[in-house]
Amino acid sequence: MNMRTVLVCCLIVATLIAPVMAEELLTPAAEATMPAVAEVRTKSVTASVVAINYATHMVSLKGQGGNVFKQKVSAGVKNLKQVKIGDLVLIEYVETINVFARKSDGGKPSKKSYETIQLARPGAKPMKVQVTTEEIVTEVAAIDSEQRIINLNTPSGGLQTYFVPRHYKHLDNVKKGDQVVVRLSRSVAIKVTKLDDATKPRKQTSPVSSAK
């Protein structure tokens, strides 16, 4: 199912080191701790299938607010005939942004993106997990730790200037020639399930922490 037409995703416009509600991360480096921040945003949507045309790949969905909308299912989606009226379409959207400074790896400023897609196995209910990651690597052209001003060489060849808020620590460890990386990851998971399966209580699991 084409997520771009099912769920309108708002792209975070990332400034240097000032995302809303960001939490500072203390990431140890080989020589000194460098500034790093991260933010995670999540959204879940549930809709029920009220009509489906297998020939035209058109599905009518009813949202939680009672609104009904039609969705054209991509021809590449497998197992569409497994979907029945009354099934639930669960959509989970996760957006993660990481901004961090690091010592140069020798590369030039760059911008790249990559994508992974996972589909359901044959015979199962349709399922799709799509993860898109964008990464921008810039280079520190100049920095004034006292004034909290940093100039960055961008992938386009331009120069951009930013003010770094004072509550972000370790700025004095950033030097000319270091790199500042902005990494944005968007994950969209679509799963079709029966109503009785969706209402069953989920097994509780203990959270896993990677902090040390």
N, C-alpha and C. Protein backbone atom coordinates (compact mmCIF):
# COMPACT_ATOMS: atom_id res chain seq x y z
N MET A 1 0.86 -1.18 0.00
CA MET A 1 0.00 0.00 0.00
C MET A 1 0.89 1.23 0.00
N ASN A 2 0.57 2.23 -0.79
CA ASN A 2 1.39 3.42 -0.94
C ASN A 2 1.16 4.37 0.23
N MET A 3 2.13 4.46 1.11
CA MET A 3 1.94 5.24 2.32
C MET A 3 1.81 6.72 2.04
N ARG A 4 2.38 7.20 0.96
CA ARG A 4 2.32 8.63 0.70
C ARG A 4 0.90 9.12 0.49
N THR A 5 0.00 8.19 0.08
CA THR A 5 -1.39 8.57 -0.13
C THR A 5 -2.28 8.13 1.01
N VAL A 6 -1.78 7.31 1.93
CA VAL A 6 -2.57 6.88 3.08
C VAL A 6 -2.37 7.84 4.25
N LEU A 7 -1.15 8.24 4.46
CA LEU A 7 -0.83 9.06 5.62
C LEU A 7 0.02 10.23 5.18
N VAL A 8 -0.39 11.45 5.48
CA VAL A 8 0.38 12.63 5.13
C VAL A 8 1.42 12.85 6.21
N CYS A 9 2.68 12.71 5.84
CA CYS A 9 3.77 12.78 6.80
C CYS A 9 4.43 14.16 6.74
N CYS A 10 4.52 14.79 7.87
CA CYS A 10 5.15 16.11 7.94
C CYS A 10 6.65 15.95 8.18
N LEU A 11 7.44 16.46 7.27
CA LEU A 11 8.90 16.36 7.35
C LEU A 11 9.44 17.38 8.33
N ILE A 12 10.26 16.93 9.27
CA ILE A 12 10.89 17.85 10.22
C ILE A 12 11.90 18.73 9.48
N VAL A 13 11.78 20.03 9.63
CA VAL A 13 12.76 20.94 9.06
C VAL A 13 13.83 21.14 10.12
N ALA A 14 14.99 20.52 9.91
CA ALA A 14 16.02 20.48 10.96
C ALA A 14 16.95 21.66 10.86
N THR A 15 17.08 22.43 11.94
CA THR A 15 18.14 23.41 12.04
C THR A 15 19.34 22.71 12.66
N LEU A 16 20.40 23.42 12.94
CA LEU A 16 21.65 22.75 13.31
C LEU A 16 21.52 21.91 14.56
N ILE A 17 21.33 22.51 15.71
CA ILE A 17 21.28 21.72 16.94
C ILE A 17 20.14 22.24 17.81
N ALA A 18 18.95 22.46 17.21
CA ALA A 18 17.86 22.98 18.01
C ALA A 18 16.52 22.39 17.65
N PRO A 19 16.35 21.05 17.58
CA PRO A 19 15.03 20.48 17.36
C PRO A 19 14.16 20.63 18.59
N VAL A 20 12.84 20.74 18.40
CA VAL A 20 11.92 20.92 19.52
C VAL A 20 11.92 19.67 20.38
N MET A 21 11.94 19.87 21.70
CA MET A 21 11.86 18.78 22.67
C MET A 21 13.02 17.79 22.53
N ALA A 22 14.15 18.25 22.00
CA ALA A 22 15.29 17.35 21.85
C ALA A 22 15.92 17.08 23.20
N GLU A 23 16.52 15.93 23.31
CA GLU A 23 17.25 15.56 24.52
C GLU A 23 18.72 15.46 24.19
N GLU A 24 19.54 16.01 25.07
CA GLU A 24 20.97 15.96 24.82
C GLU A 24 21.51 14.57 25.13
N LEU A 25 22.37 14.08 24.26
CA LEU A 25 23.00 12.78 24.46
C LEU A 25 24.48 12.99 24.73
N LEU A 26 25.00 12.28 25.68
CA LEU A 26 26.42 12.34 25.98
C LEU A 26 27.09 11.16 25.31
N THR A 27 27.68 11.40 24.15
CA THR A 27 28.28 10.34 23.35
C THR A 27 29.79 10.43 23.47
N PRO A 28 30.42 9.48 24.13
CA PRO A 28 31.86 9.55 24.29
C PRO A 28 32.58 9.36 22.98
N ALA A 29 33.57 10.18 22.73
CA ALA A 29 34.42 10.05 21.54
C ALA A 29 35.82 9.70 21.99
N ALA A 30 36.68 9.45 21.02
CA ALA A 30 38.03 9.00 21.34
C ALA A 30 38.80 10.07 22.12
N GLU A 31 38.64 11.35 21.74
CA GLU A 31 39.41 12.41 22.38
C GLU A 31 38.58 13.22 23.37
N ALA A 32 37.35 13.53 23.01
CA ALA A 32 36.51 14.36 23.88
C ALA A 32 35.05 14.12 23.52
N THR A 33 34.17 14.46 24.48
CA THR A 33 32.75 14.31 24.23
C THR A 33 32.29 15.42 23.30
N MET A 34 31.55 15.05 22.25
CA MET A 34 31.10 16.00 21.25
C MET A 34 29.60 16.24 21.42
N PRO A 35 29.11 17.41 21.00
CA PRO A 35 27.67 17.69 21.10
C PRO A 35 26.85 16.71 20.27
N ALA A 36 25.70 16.30 20.81
CA ALA A 36 24.80 15.41 20.08
C ALA A 36 23.41 15.53 20.65
N VAL A 37 22.40 15.59 19.78
CA VAL A 37 21.01 15.66 20.22
C VAL A 37 20.18 14.69 19.39
N ALA A 38 19.04 14.28 19.92
CA ALA A 38 18.17 13.36 19.20
C ALA A 38 16.72 13.65 19.55
N GLU A 39 15.85 13.37 18.61
CA GLU A 39 14.41 13.55 18.83
C GLU A 39 13.66 12.43 18.11
N VAL A 40 12.61 11.92 18.75
CA VAL A 40 11.78 10.87 18.16
C VAL A 40 10.33 11.31 18.21
N ARG A 41 9.65 11.21 17.08
CA ARG A 41 8.22 11.52 17.02
C ARG A 41 7.48 10.29 16.48
N THR A 42 6.34 9.98 17.09
CA THR A 42 5.58 8.80 16.67
C THR A 42 4.11 9.18 16.45
N LYS A 43 3.45 8.41 15.59
CA LYS A 43 2.03 8.60 15.33
C LYS A 43 1.43 7.29 14.89
N SER A 44 0.24 6.98 15.38
CA SER A 44 -0.45 5.75 15.01
C SER A 44 -1.84 6.08 14.47
N VAL A 45 -2.24 5.36 13.43
CA VAL A 45 -3.55 5.54 12.82
C VAL A 45 -4.17 4.16 12.62
N THR A 46 -5.45 4.03 12.96
CA THR A 46 -6.18 2.78 12.75
C THR A 46 -7.42 3.05 11.90
N ALA A 47 -7.63 2.23 10.88
CA ALA A 47 -8.82 2.35 10.02
C ALA A 47 -9.35 0.96 9.72
N SER A 48 -10.65 0.86 9.53
CA SER A 48 -11.27 -0.44 9.22
C SER A 48 -11.67 -0.49 7.76
N VAL A 49 -11.60 -1.67 7.17
CA VAL A 49 -11.97 -1.87 5.77
C VAL A 49 -13.49 -2.00 5.68
N VAL A 50 -14.13 -1.09 4.94
CA VAL A 50 -15.59 -1.12 4.80
C VAL A 50 -16.00 -1.56 3.40
N ALA A 51 -15.08 -1.52 2.42
CA ALA A 51 -15.37 -1.99 1.07
C ALA A 51 -14.05 -2.24 0.36
N ILE A 52 -14.07 -3.19 -0.57
CA ILE A 52 -12.85 -3.51 -1.30
C ILE A 52 -13.20 -4.06 -2.69
N ASN A 53 -12.48 -3.58 -3.70
CA ASN A 53 -12.66 -4.04 -5.07
C ASN A 53 -11.33 -4.64 -5.51
N TYR A 54 -11.29 -5.96 -5.59
CA TYR A 54 -10.03 -6.63 -5.91
C TYR A 54 -9.59 -6.37 -7.35
N ALA A 55 -10.54 -6.13 -8.25
CA ALA A 55 -10.21 -5.92 -9.66
C ALA A 55 -9.54 -4.57 -9.87
N THR A 56 -10.04 -3.55 -9.19
CA THR A 56 -9.49 -2.20 -9.37
C THR A 56 -8.47 -1.82 -8.30
N HIS A 57 -8.29 -2.69 -7.30
CA HIS A 57 -7.38 -2.43 -6.18
C HIS A 57 -7.81 -1.20 -5.38
N MET A 58 -9.10 -0.96 -5.31
CA MET A 58 -9.61 0.18 -4.55
C MET A 58 -10.19 -0.30 -3.22
N VAL A 59 -9.73 0.32 -2.14
CA VAL A 59 -10.17 -0.06 -0.80
C VAL A 59 -10.78 1.17 -0.13
N SER A 60 -11.93 0.99 0.50
CA SER A 60 -12.56 2.06 1.27
C SER A 60 -12.27 1.82 2.75
N LEU A 61 -11.76 2.85 3.42
CA LEU A 61 -11.37 2.74 4.82
C LEU A 61 -12.16 3.73 5.66
N LYS A 62 -12.49 3.30 6.86
CA LYS A 62 -13.19 4.16 7.81
C LYS A 62 -12.26 4.47 8.97
N GLY A 63 -11.98 5.76 9.17
CA GLY A 63 -11.07 6.17 10.22
C GLY A 63 -11.71 6.16 11.58
N GLN A 64 -10.90 6.46 12.59
CA GLN A 64 -11.39 6.43 13.97
C GLN A 64 -12.42 7.51 14.22
N GLY A 65 -12.38 8.58 13.42
CA GLY A 65 -13.35 9.66 13.57
C GLY A 65 -14.63 9.44 12.81
N GLY A 66 -14.73 8.29 12.11
CA GLY A 66 -15.93 7.99 11.35
C GLY A 66 -15.86 8.41 9.89
N ASN A 67 -14.80 9.09 9.50
CA ASN A 67 -14.65 9.52 8.11
C ASN A 67 -14.28 8.33 7.23
N VAL A 68 -14.87 8.27 6.05
CA VAL A 68 -14.60 7.18 5.10
C VAL A 68 -13.85 7.76 3.90
N PHE A 69 -12.77 7.11 3.52
CA PHE A 69 -12.00 7.56 2.37
C PHE A 69 -11.55 6.35 1.56
N LYS A 70 -11.37 6.58 0.26
CA LYS A 70 -10.95 5.52 -0.63
C LYS A 70 -9.44 5.57 -0.84
N GLN A 71 -8.84 4.39 -0.97
CA GLN A 71 -7.41 4.28 -1.14
C GLN A 71 -7.09 3.33 -2.28
N LYS A 72 -6.34 3.80 -3.25
CA LYS A 72 -5.88 2.95 -4.35
C LYS A 72 -4.65 2.19 -3.90
N VAL A 73 -4.74 0.87 -3.90
CA VAL A 73 -3.62 0.03 -3.46
C VAL A 73 -2.68 -0.20 -4.64
N SER A 74 -1.41 -0.04 -4.40
CA SER A 74 -0.43 -0.23 -5.46
C SER A 74 -0.50 -1.65 -6.02
N ALA A 75 -0.29 -1.76 -7.33
CA ALA A 75 -0.33 -3.07 -7.99
C ALA A 75 0.76 -3.99 -7.47
N GLY A 76 1.80 -3.40 -6.88
CA GLY A 76 2.91 -4.21 -6.37
C GLY A 76 2.62 -4.88 -5.04
N VAL A 77 1.52 -4.49 -4.40
CA VAL A 77 1.17 -5.07 -3.10
C VAL A 77 0.68 -6.50 -3.29
N LYS A 78 1.28 -7.42 -2.56
CA LYS A 78 0.91 -8.83 -2.65
C LYS A 78 -0.19 -9.17 -1.64
N ASN A 79 -0.88 -10.28 -1.89
CA ASN A 79 -1.85 -10.84 -0.95
C ASN A 79 -3.06 -9.94 -0.70
N LEU A 80 -3.43 -9.11 -1.68
CA LEU A 80 -4.57 -8.23 -1.46
C LEU A 80 -5.86 -9.02 -1.20
N LYS A 81 -5.99 -10.20 -1.81
CA LYS A 81 -7.21 -10.99 -1.62
C LYS A 81 -7.35 -11.54 -0.20
N GLN A 82 -6.29 -11.41 0.58
CA GLN A 82 -6.39 -11.82 1.98
C GLN A 82 -7.14 -10.78 2.82
N VAL A 83 -7.30 -9.58 2.27
CA VAL A 83 -7.98 -8.51 3.01
C VAL A 83 -9.49 -8.66 2.85
N LYS A 84 -10.22 -8.59 3.96
CA LYS A 84 -11.68 -8.75 3.96
C LYS A 84 -12.32 -7.53 4.64
N ILE A 85 -13.61 -7.33 4.35
CA ILE A 85 -14.36 -6.27 5.01
C ILE A 85 -14.38 -6.53 6.51
N GLY A 86 -14.10 -5.50 7.28
CA GLY A 86 -14.03 -5.64 8.74
C GLY A 86 -12.62 -5.73 9.26
N ASP A 87 -11.65 -6.02 8.37
CA ASP A 87 -10.26 -6.06 8.81
C ASP A 87 -9.81 -4.66 9.21
N LEU A 88 -8.78 -4.62 10.04
CA LEU A 88 -8.22 -3.34 10.48
C LEU A 88 -6.89 -3.08 9.77
N VAL A 89 -6.67 -1.84 9.39
CA VAL A 89 -5.40 -1.41 8.84
C VAL A 89 -4.71 -0.57 9.91
N LEU A 90 -3.60 -1.05 10.39
CA LEU A 90 -2.84 -0.35 11.43
C LEU A 90 -1.64 0.34 10.80
N ILE A 91 -1.51 1.62 11.02
CA ILE A 91 -0.42 2.40 10.45
C ILE A 91 0.37 3.02 11.60
N GLU A 92 1.65 2.75 11.65
CA GLU A 92 2.52 3.32 12.68
C GLU A 92 3.64 4.10 11.99
N TYR A 93 3.80 5.34 12.40
CA TYR A 93 4.79 6.23 11.79
C TYR A 93 5.78 6.70 12.85
N VAL A 94 7.06 6.51 12.59
CA VAL A 94 8.10 6.93 13.52
C VAL A 94 9.12 7.78 12.75
N GLU A 95 9.41 8.95 13.29
CA GLU A 95 10.40 9.84 12.69
C GLU A 95 11.48 10.14 13.72
N THR A 96 12.72 9.88 13.36
CA THR A 96 13.84 10.09 14.27
C THR A 96 14.85 11.02 13.62
N ILE A 97 15.29 12.03 14.37
CA ILE A 97 16.33 12.91 13.87
C ILE A 97 17.49 12.93 14.85
N ASN A 98 18.67 12.75 14.33
CA ASN A 98 19.89 12.80 15.13
C ASN A 98 20.81 13.86 14.53
N VAL A 99 21.33 14.73 15.39
CA VAL A 99 22.30 15.73 14.97
C VAL A 99 23.50 15.61 15.90
N PHE A 100 24.67 15.40 15.34
CA PHE A 100 25.84 15.21 16.19
C PHE A 100 27.11 15.69 15.49
N ALA A 101 28.08 16.06 16.31
CA ALA A 101 29.39 16.46 15.80
C ALA A 101 30.36 15.30 15.97
N ARG A 102 31.32 15.22 15.07
CA ARG A 102 32.32 14.15 15.14
C ARG A 102 33.61 14.63 14.49
N LYS A 103 34.69 13.94 14.78
CA LYS A 103 35.95 14.22 14.10
C LYS A 103 35.82 13.80 12.64
N SER A 104 36.50 14.48 11.78
CA SER A 104 36.37 14.22 10.35
C SER A 104 36.81 12.80 10.00
N ASP A 105 36.05 12.17 9.12
CA ASP A 105 36.42 10.84 8.62
C ASP A 105 37.19 10.95 7.30
N GLY A 106 37.53 12.17 6.92
CA GLY A 106 38.29 12.39 5.70
C GLY A 106 37.43 12.67 4.48
N GLY A 107 36.12 12.50 4.62
CA GLY A 107 35.22 12.72 3.49
C GLY A 107 34.81 14.18 3.37
N LYS A 108 34.28 14.53 2.21
CA LYS A 108 33.81 15.88 1.96
C LYS A 108 32.33 15.99 2.36
N PRO A 109 31.84 17.23 2.51
CA PRO A 109 30.41 17.39 2.79
C PRO A 109 29.57 16.64 1.76
N SER A 110 28.53 15.95 2.22
CA SER A 110 27.75 15.11 1.31
C SER A 110 26.31 15.02 1.77
N LYS A 111 25.46 14.55 0.85
CA LYS A 111 24.06 14.31 1.14
C LYS A 111 23.65 13.02 0.44
N LYS A 112 23.07 12.10 1.20
CA LYS A 112 22.68 10.82 0.62
C LYS A 112 21.41 10.31 1.28
N SER A 113 20.74 9.39 0.62
CA SER A 113 19.53 8.78 1.17
C SER A 113 19.47 7.33 0.73
N TYR A 114 18.84 6.50 1.54
CA TYR A 114 18.66 5.09 1.21
C TYR A 114 17.38 4.59 1.83
N GLU A 115 16.86 3.49 1.30
CA GLU A 115 15.55 3.00 1.69
C GLU A 115 15.54 1.48 1.79
N THR A 116 14.80 0.95 2.76
CA THR A 116 14.60 -0.49 2.89
C THR A 116 13.10 -0.75 2.98
N ILE A 117 12.65 -1.85 2.36
CA ILE A 117 11.23 -2.22 2.37
C ILE A 117 11.08 -3.70 2.71
N GLN A 118 10.18 -3.99 3.62
CA GLN A 118 9.88 -5.37 4.01
C GLN A 118 8.40 -5.64 3.73
N LEU A 119 8.11 -6.74 3.01
CA LEU A 119 6.73 -7.10 2.67
C LEU A 119 6.33 -8.40 3.35
N ALA A 120 5.03 -8.69 3.36
CA ALA A 120 4.52 -9.90 3.98
C ALA A 120 4.91 -11.13 3.16
N ARG A 121 4.97 -12.25 3.82
CA ARG A 121 5.27 -13.51 3.14
C ARG A 121 4.02 -13.95 2.35
N PRO A 122 4.19 -14.78 1.33
CA PRO A 122 3.04 -15.24 0.54
C PRO A 122 1.98 -15.91 1.40
N GLY A 123 0.71 -15.54 1.16
CA GLY A 123 -0.41 -16.14 1.88
C GLY A 123 -0.79 -15.42 3.15
N ALA A 124 0.04 -14.51 3.63
CA ALA A 124 -0.25 -13.80 4.87
C ALA A 124 -1.02 -12.52 4.57
N LYS A 125 -1.53 -11.91 5.62
CA LYS A 125 -2.18 -10.61 5.47
C LYS A 125 -1.15 -9.59 4.98
N PRO A 126 -1.57 -8.65 4.12
CA PRO A 126 -0.62 -7.65 3.62
C PRO A 126 0.05 -6.90 4.76
N MET A 127 1.33 -6.67 4.61
CA MET A 127 2.12 -5.94 5.58
C MET A 127 3.27 -5.26 4.85
N LYS A 128 3.60 -4.06 5.27
CA LYS A 128 4.71 -3.34 4.65
C LYS A 128 5.40 -2.47 5.69
N VAL A 129 6.71 -2.58 5.73
CA VAL A 129 7.51 -1.71 6.59
C VAL A 129 8.53 -1.02 5.70
N GLN A 130 8.45 0.30 5.65
CA GLN A 130 9.33 1.08 4.79
C GLN A 130 10.13 2.06 5.64
N VAL A 131 11.45 2.00 5.52
CA VAL A 131 12.33 2.89 6.28
C VAL A 131 13.16 3.71 5.30
N THR A 132 13.05 5.01 5.41
CA THR A 132 13.81 5.92 4.56
C THR A 132 14.74 6.75 5.43
N THR A 133 16.00 6.81 5.07
CA THR A 133 16.99 7.54 5.86
C THR A 133 17.68 8.56 4.97
N GLU A 134 17.79 9.78 5.46
CA GLU A 134 18.52 10.84 4.78
C GLU A 134 19.64 11.31 5.70
N GLU A 135 20.80 11.52 5.14
CA GLU A 135 21.95 11.95 5.93
C GLU A 135 22.67 13.09 5.25
N ILE A 136 22.91 14.16 6.00
CA ILE A 136 23.65 15.31 5.50
C ILE A 136 24.90 15.48 6.35
N VAL A 137 26.05 15.50 5.71
CA VAL A 137 27.33 15.68 6.40
C VAL A 137 27.90 17.04 6.01
N THR A 138 28.15 17.89 7.00
CA THR A 138 28.74 19.20 6.76
C THR A 138 30.10 19.28 7.44
N GLU A 139 30.86 20.31 7.11
CA GLU A 139 32.21 20.49 7.67
C GLU A 139 32.29 21.83 8.37
N VAL A 140 32.91 21.83 9.55
CA VAL A 140 33.06 23.07 10.32
C VAL A 140 34.11 23.94 9.64
N ALA A 141 33.68 25.10 9.13
CA ALA A 141 34.61 26.04 8.49
C ALA A 141 35.21 26.99 9.51
N ALA A 142 34.43 27.36 10.51
CA ALA A 142 34.91 28.25 11.57
C ALA A 142 33.95 28.13 12.75
N ILE A 143 34.46 28.38 13.96
CA ILE A 143 33.62 28.27 15.16
C ILE A 143 34.11 29.25 16.22
N ASP A 144 33.18 29.90 16.87
CA ASP A 144 33.46 30.80 17.99
C ASP A 144 32.70 30.24 19.19
N SER A 145 33.40 29.51 20.05
CA SER A 145 32.76 28.85 21.19
C SER A 145 32.20 29.85 22.20
N GLU A 146 32.85 31.00 22.32
CA GLU A 146 32.39 32.00 23.28
C GLU A 146 31.07 32.63 22.82
N GLN A 147 30.98 32.96 21.55
CA GLN A 147 29.77 33.56 21.00
C GLN A 147 28.75 32.52 20.55
N ARG A 148 29.14 31.23 20.58
CA ARG A 148 28.26 30.13 20.19
C ARG A 148 27.86 30.22 18.72
N ILE A 149 28.79 30.64 17.88
CA ILE A 149 28.55 30.78 16.45
C ILE A 149 29.38 29.75 15.70
N ILE A 150 28.74 29.04 14.77
CA ILE A 150 29.45 28.03 13.99
C ILE A 150 29.11 28.21 12.51
N ASN A 151 30.13 28.13 11.67
CA ASN A 151 29.97 28.20 10.22
C ASN A 151 30.23 26.82 9.63
N LEU A 152 29.34 26.38 8.74
CA LEU A 152 29.44 25.04 8.16
C LEU A 152 29.52 25.09 6.65
N ASN A 153 30.44 24.30 6.10
CA ASN A 153 30.48 24.08 4.65
C ASN A 153 29.44 23.01 4.33
N THR A 154 28.53 23.28 3.40
CA THR A 154 27.43 22.38 3.08
C THR A 154 27.74 21.56 1.82
N PRO A 155 26.97 20.48 1.58
CA PRO A 155 27.20 19.66 0.38
C PRO A 155 27.06 20.43 -0.92
N SER A 156 26.26 21.51 -0.93
CA SER A 156 26.06 22.29 -2.15
C SER A 156 27.22 23.24 -2.43
N GLY A 157 28.17 23.32 -1.50
CA GLY A 157 29.31 24.21 -1.68
C GLY A 157 29.12 25.55 -1.01
N GLY A 158 27.98 25.76 -0.37
CA GLY A 158 27.72 27.02 0.30
C GLY A 158 28.23 27.03 1.73
N LEU A 159 28.04 28.16 2.39
CA LEU A 159 28.45 28.34 3.78
C LEU A 159 27.23 28.80 4.58
N GLN A 160 26.93 28.10 5.69
CA GLN A 160 25.80 28.46 6.53
C GLN A 160 26.27 28.73 7.95
N THR A 161 25.65 29.73 8.58
CA THR A 161 26.01 30.14 9.93
C THR A 161 24.87 29.83 10.89
N TYR A 162 25.21 29.27 12.06
CA TYR A 162 24.21 28.91 13.06
C TYR A 162 24.63 29.41 14.43
N PHE A 163 23.62 29.71 15.26
CA PHE A 163 23.85 29.98 16.68
C PHE A 163 23.46 28.75 17.46
N VAL A 164 24.34 28.28 18.33
CA VAL A 164 24.10 27.08 19.12
C VAL A 164 23.64 27.49 20.52
N PRO A 165 22.42 27.11 20.96
CA PRO A 165 21.92 27.47 22.29
C PRO A 165 22.88 27.04 23.40
N ARG A 166 22.93 27.81 24.47
CA ARG A 166 23.91 27.58 25.53
C ARG A 166 23.67 26.31 26.33
N HIS A 167 22.46 25.78 26.31
CA HIS A 167 22.23 24.57 27.10
C HIS A 167 22.79 23.32 26.44
N TYR A 168 23.33 23.46 25.23
CA TYR A 168 24.02 22.33 24.60
C TYR A 168 25.50 22.41 24.96
N LYS A 169 25.97 21.37 25.62
CA LYS A 169 27.32 21.37 26.17
C LYS A 169 28.35 20.86 25.16
N HIS A 170 29.61 20.98 25.56
CA HIS A 170 30.75 20.41 24.84
C HIS A 170 31.03 21.09 23.49
N LEU A 171 30.47 22.29 23.28
CA LEU A 171 30.75 22.98 22.02
C LEU A 171 32.22 23.35 21.90
N ASP A 172 32.89 23.56 23.04
CA ASP A 172 34.31 23.92 23.00
C ASP A 172 35.19 22.76 22.51
N ASN A 173 34.62 21.56 22.41
CA ASN A 173 35.39 20.43 21.87
C ASN A 173 35.33 20.33 20.36
N VAL A 174 34.49 21.15 19.73
CA VAL A 174 34.36 21.14 18.28
C VAL A 174 35.38 22.10 17.67
N LYS A 175 36.12 21.62 16.69
CA LYS A 175 37.18 22.42 16.06
C LYS A 175 36.95 22.53 14.55
N LYS A 176 37.66 23.46 13.96
CA LYS A 176 37.61 23.61 12.50
C LYS A 176 38.05 22.30 11.84
N GLY A 177 37.30 21.87 10.84
CA GLY A 177 37.60 20.62 10.15
C GLY A 177 36.78 19.45 10.65
N ASP A 178 36.16 19.58 11.83
CA ASP A 178 35.26 18.53 12.32
C ASP A 178 34.00 18.49 11.44
N GLN A 179 33.20 17.47 11.63
CA GLN A 179 31.98 17.31 10.85
C GLN A 179 30.75 17.40 11.75
N VAL A 180 29.67 17.95 11.19
CA VAL A 180 28.37 17.95 11.85
C VAL A 180 27.42 17.16 10.95
N VAL A 181 26.79 16.13 11.51
CA VAL A 181 25.95 15.22 10.75
C VAL A 181 24.50 15.37 11.17
N VAL A 182 23.61 15.49 10.19
CA VAL A 182 22.16 15.48 10.43
C VAL A 182 21.62 14.23 9.78
N ARG A 183 21.01 13.34 10.58
CA ARG A 183 20.50 12.07 10.07
C ARG A 183 19.00 11.96 10.41
N LEU A 184 18.17 11.89 9.37
CA LEU A 184 16.73 11.81 9.53
C LEU A 184 16.23 10.47 9.02
N SER A 185 15.53 9.74 9.90
CA SER A 185 15.00 8.42 9.53
C SER A 185 13.49 8.42 9.71
N ARG A 186 12.78 7.98 8.67
CA ARG A 186 11.32 7.89 8.72
C ARG A 186 10.92 6.44 8.48
N SER A 187 10.14 5.90 9.42
CA SER A 187 9.70 4.51 9.32
C SER A 187 8.18 4.48 9.30
N VAL A 188 7.61 3.80 8.30
CA VAL A 188 6.17 3.65 8.18
C VAL A 188 5.85 2.16 8.12
N ALA A 189 5.03 1.69 9.05
CA ALA A 189 4.65 0.29 9.10
C ALA A 189 3.15 0.17 8.89
N ILE A 190 2.73 -0.63 7.91
CA ILE A 190 1.32 -0.87 7.63
C ILE A 190 1.05 -2.36 7.83
N LYS A 191 0.05 -2.67 8.63
CA LYS A 191 -0.29 -4.06 8.91
C LYS A 191 -1.80 -4.24 8.86
N VAL A 192 -2.26 -5.26 8.17
CA VAL A 192 -3.68 -5.58 8.11
C VAL A 192 -3.93 -6.76 9.03
N THR A 193 -4.92 -6.63 9.92
CA THR A 193 -5.19 -7.70 10.87
C THR A 193 -6.70 -7.83 11.05
N LYS A 194 -7.13 -8.98 11.55
CA LYS A 194 -8.54 -9.18 11.85
C LYS A 194 -8.91 -8.40 13.09
N LEU A 195 -10.17 -8.04 13.19
CA LEU A 195 -10.64 -7.25 14.32
C LEU A 195 -10.40 -7.96 15.64
N ASP A 196 -10.68 -9.28 15.69
CA ASP A 196 -10.52 -10.00 16.96
C ASP A 196 -9.06 -10.11 17.35
N ASP A 197 -8.15 -10.17 16.34
CA ASP A 197 -6.72 -10.20 16.65
C ASP A 197 -6.24 -8.87 17.21
N ALA A 198 -6.78 -7.78 16.65
CA ALA A 198 -6.34 -6.45 17.08
C ALA A 198 -6.80 -6.12 18.48
N THR A 199 -7.92 -6.70 18.92
CA THR A 199 -8.45 -6.39 20.25
C THR A 199 -7.89 -7.27 21.35
N LYS A 200 -7.14 -8.31 20.97
CA LYS A 200 -6.52 -9.16 21.98
C LYS A 200 -5.42 -8.39 22.72
N PRO A 201 -5.27 -8.60 24.02
CA PRO A 201 -4.21 -7.89 24.76
C PRO A 201 -2.85 -8.34 24.28
N ARG A 202 -1.96 -7.35 24.13
CA ARG A 202 -0.60 -7.66 23.69
C ARG A 202 0.25 -8.13 24.85
N LYS A 203 1.17 -9.00 24.55
CA LYS A 203 2.08 -9.50 25.56
C LYS A 203 3.01 -8.39 26.00
N GLN A 204 3.12 -8.20 27.31
CA GLN A 204 3.95 -7.15 27.84
C GLN A 204 5.42 -7.58 27.85
N THR A 205 6.27 -6.69 27.39
CA THR A 205 7.71 -6.97 27.38
C THR A 205 8.44 -5.88 28.12
N SER A 206 9.57 -6.22 28.69
CA SER A 206 10.37 -5.25 29.41
C SER A 206 11.15 -4.40 28.42
N PRO A 207 11.23 -3.07 28.66
CA PRO A 207 11.98 -2.20 27.76
C PRO A 207 13.46 -2.55 27.79
N VAL A 208 14.11 -2.37 26.67
CA VAL A 208 15.54 -2.65 26.56
C VAL A 208 16.26 -1.32 26.40
N SER A 209 17.24 -1.07 27.21
CA SER A 209 17.99 0.18 27.15
C SER A 209 19.39 -0.08 26.62
N SER A 210 19.85 0.80 25.74
CA SER A 210 21.20 0.66 25.20
C SER A 210 22.19 1.57 25.91
N ALA A 211 21.71 2.34 26.91
CA ALA A 211 22.61 3.23 27.61
C ALA A 211 23.55 2.46 28.51
N LYS A 212 24.72 2.96 28.58
CA LYS A 212 25.74 2.34 29.43
C LYS A 212 26.34 3.37 30.40
